[in-house]
């Protein structure tokens, strides 16, 4: 069983479309979520069991809730 924890950034940072320029079509939060979804799909494609916990933006608080049942 694979356990995946994800979270949302409290503040997000844009990824420039071109190095040195401000224009951006994506941010690191989107990139991180895409990576997590890809990792999960790769595991599922190999018939691996997976459970995902999205801890939102209050990671410490939500993790404590999860651990305390």
C-alpha atoms as a PDB file:
ATOM      1  CA  UNK A   1       0.000   0.000   0.000  1.00  0.00           C
ATOM      2  CA  UNK A   2       1.399   3.374  -1.023  1.00  0.00           C
ATOM      3  CA  UNK A   3       0.374   6.400   1.013  1.00  0.00           C
ATOM      4  CA  UNK A   4       0.491   9.755  -0.748  1.00  0.00           C
ATOM      5  CA  UNK A   5       0.205  13.071   1.073  1.00  0.00           C
ATOM      6  CA  UNK A   6      -0.481  16.212  -0.921  1.00  0.00           C
ATOM      7  CA  UNK A   7      -1.073  19.820   0.060  1.00  0.00           C
ATOM      8  CA  UNK A   8      -1.905  23.176  -1.420  1.00  0.00           C
ATOM      9  CA  UNK A   9       0.545  26.063  -1.142  1.00  0.00           C
ATOM     10  CA  UNK A  10      -0.416  28.941   1.136  1.00  0.00           C
ATOM     11  CA  UNK A  11       1.157  31.215  -1.454  1.00  0.00           C
ATOM     12  CA  UNK A  12       2.026  30.118  -4.953  1.00  0.00           C
ATOM     13  CA  UNK A  13       4.940  31.082  -7.170  1.00  0.00           C
ATOM     14  CA  UNK A  14       4.592  31.569 -10.905  1.00  0.00           C
ATOM     15  CA  UNK A  15       6.850  29.672 -13.294  1.00  0.00           C
ATOM     16  CA  UNK A  16       7.958  32.052 -16.072  1.00  0.00           C
ATOM     17  CA  UNK A  17       7.180  30.906 -19.604  1.00  0.00           C
ATOM     18  CA  UNK A  18      10.563  32.298 -20.685  1.00  0.00           C
ATOM     19  CA  UNK A  19      13.528  32.633 -18.346  1.00  0.00           C
ATOM     20  CA  UNK A  20      13.927  36.194 -17.122  1.00  0.00           C
ATOM     21  CA  UNK A  21      10.410  37.292 -18.075  1.00  0.00           C
ATOM     22  CA  UNK A  22       7.378  37.722 -15.830  1.00  0.00           C
ATOM     23  CA  UNK A  23       4.755  36.171 -18.139  1.00  0.00           C
ATOM     24  CA  UNK A  24       3.561  32.870 -16.716  1.00  0.00           C
ATOM     25  CA  UNK A  25       0.970  30.309 -17.697  1.00  0.00           C
ATOM     26  CA  UNK A  26       1.635  27.978 -14.773  1.00  0.00           C
ATOM     27  CA  UNK A  27       2.616  28.013 -11.121  1.00  0.00           C
ATOM     28  CA  UNK A  28       4.450  25.584  -8.863  1.00  0.00           C
ATOM     29  CA  UNK A  29       1.218  24.492  -7.161  1.00  0.00           C
ATOM     30  CA  UNK A  30      -0.156  23.245 -10.484  1.00  0.00           C
ATOM     31  CA  UNK A  31       3.154  21.547 -11.307  1.00  0.00           C
ATOM     32  CA  UNK A  32       3.287  19.826  -7.910  1.00  0.00           C
ATOM     33  CA  UNK A  33      -0.303  18.583  -8.216  1.00  0.00           C
ATOM     34  CA  UNK A  34       0.323  17.311 -11.743  1.00  0.00           C
ATOM     35  CA  UNK A  35       3.357  15.384 -10.486  1.00  0.00           C
ATOM     36  CA  UNK A  36       1.350  13.854  -7.631  1.00  0.00           C
ATOM     37  CA  UNK A  37      -1.452  12.811  -9.996  1.00  0.00           C
ATOM     38  CA  UNK A  38       1.082  11.314 -12.403  1.00  0.00           C
ATOM     39  CA  UNK A  39       2.776   9.389  -9.602  1.00  0.00           C
ATOM     40  CA  UNK A  40      -0.586   8.057  -8.417  1.00  0.00           C
ATOM     41  CA  UNK A  41      -1.613   7.032 -11.932  1.00  0.00           C
ATOM     42  CA  UNK A  42       1.703   5.246 -12.517  1.00  0.00           C
ATOM     43  CA  UNK A  43       1.149   3.210  -9.344  1.00  0.00           C
ATOM     44  CA  UNK A  44      -2.455   2.403 -10.260  1.00  0.00           C
ATOM     45  CA  UNK A  45      -1.391   1.378 -13.779  1.00  0.00           C
ATOM     46  CA  UNK A  46       0.851  -1.235 -12.143  1.00  0.00           C
ATOM     47  CA  UNK A  47      -2.048  -2.454  -9.969  1.00  0.00           C
ATOM     48  CA  UNK A  48      -0.498  -0.981  -6.833  1.00  0.00           C
ATOM     49  CA  UNK A  49      -2.787   0.032  -4.009  1.00  0.00           C
ATOM     50  CA  UNK A  50      -2.754   3.719  -3.166  1.00  0.00           C
ATOM     51  CA  UNK A  51      -4.442   6.009  -0.704  1.00  0.00           C
ATOM     52  CA  UNK A  52      -4.087   9.767  -1.047  1.00  0.00           C
ATOM     53  CA  UNK A  53      -4.569  12.353   1.676  1.00  0.00           C
ATOM     54  CA  UNK A  54      -4.911  15.981   0.578  1.00  0.00           C
ATOM     55  CA  UNK A  55      -3.979  18.090   3.586  1.00  0.00           C
ATOM     56  CA  UNK A  56      -5.059  21.396   2.036  1.00  0.00           C
ATOM     57  CA  UNK A  57      -3.187  24.522   3.123  1.00  0.00           C
ATOM     58  CA  UNK A  58      -3.250  23.790   6.882  1.00  0.00           C
ATOM     59  CA  UNK A  59      -0.828  20.872   6.640  1.00  0.00           C
ATOM     60  CA  UNK A  60       0.255  20.643  10.291  1.00  0.00           C
ATOM     61  CA  UNK A  61      -3.260  20.971  11.661  1.00  0.00           C
ATOM     62  CA  UNK A  62      -4.806  18.517   9.197  1.00  0.00           C
ATOM     63  CA  UNK A  63      -2.022  15.986   9.717  1.00  0.00           C
ATOM     64  CA  UNK A  64      -2.655  16.115  13.469  1.00  0.00           C
ATOM     65  CA  UNK A  65      -6.376  15.519  12.868  1.00  0.00           C
ATOM     66  CA  UNK A  66      -5.519  12.533  10.680  1.00  0.00           C
ATOM     67  CA  UNK A  67      -3.069  11.085  13.211  1.00  0.00           C
ATOM     68  CA  UNK A  68      -5.409  11.582  16.161  1.00  0.00           C
ATOM     69  CA  UNK A  69      -8.268   9.841  14.374  1.00  0.00           C
END
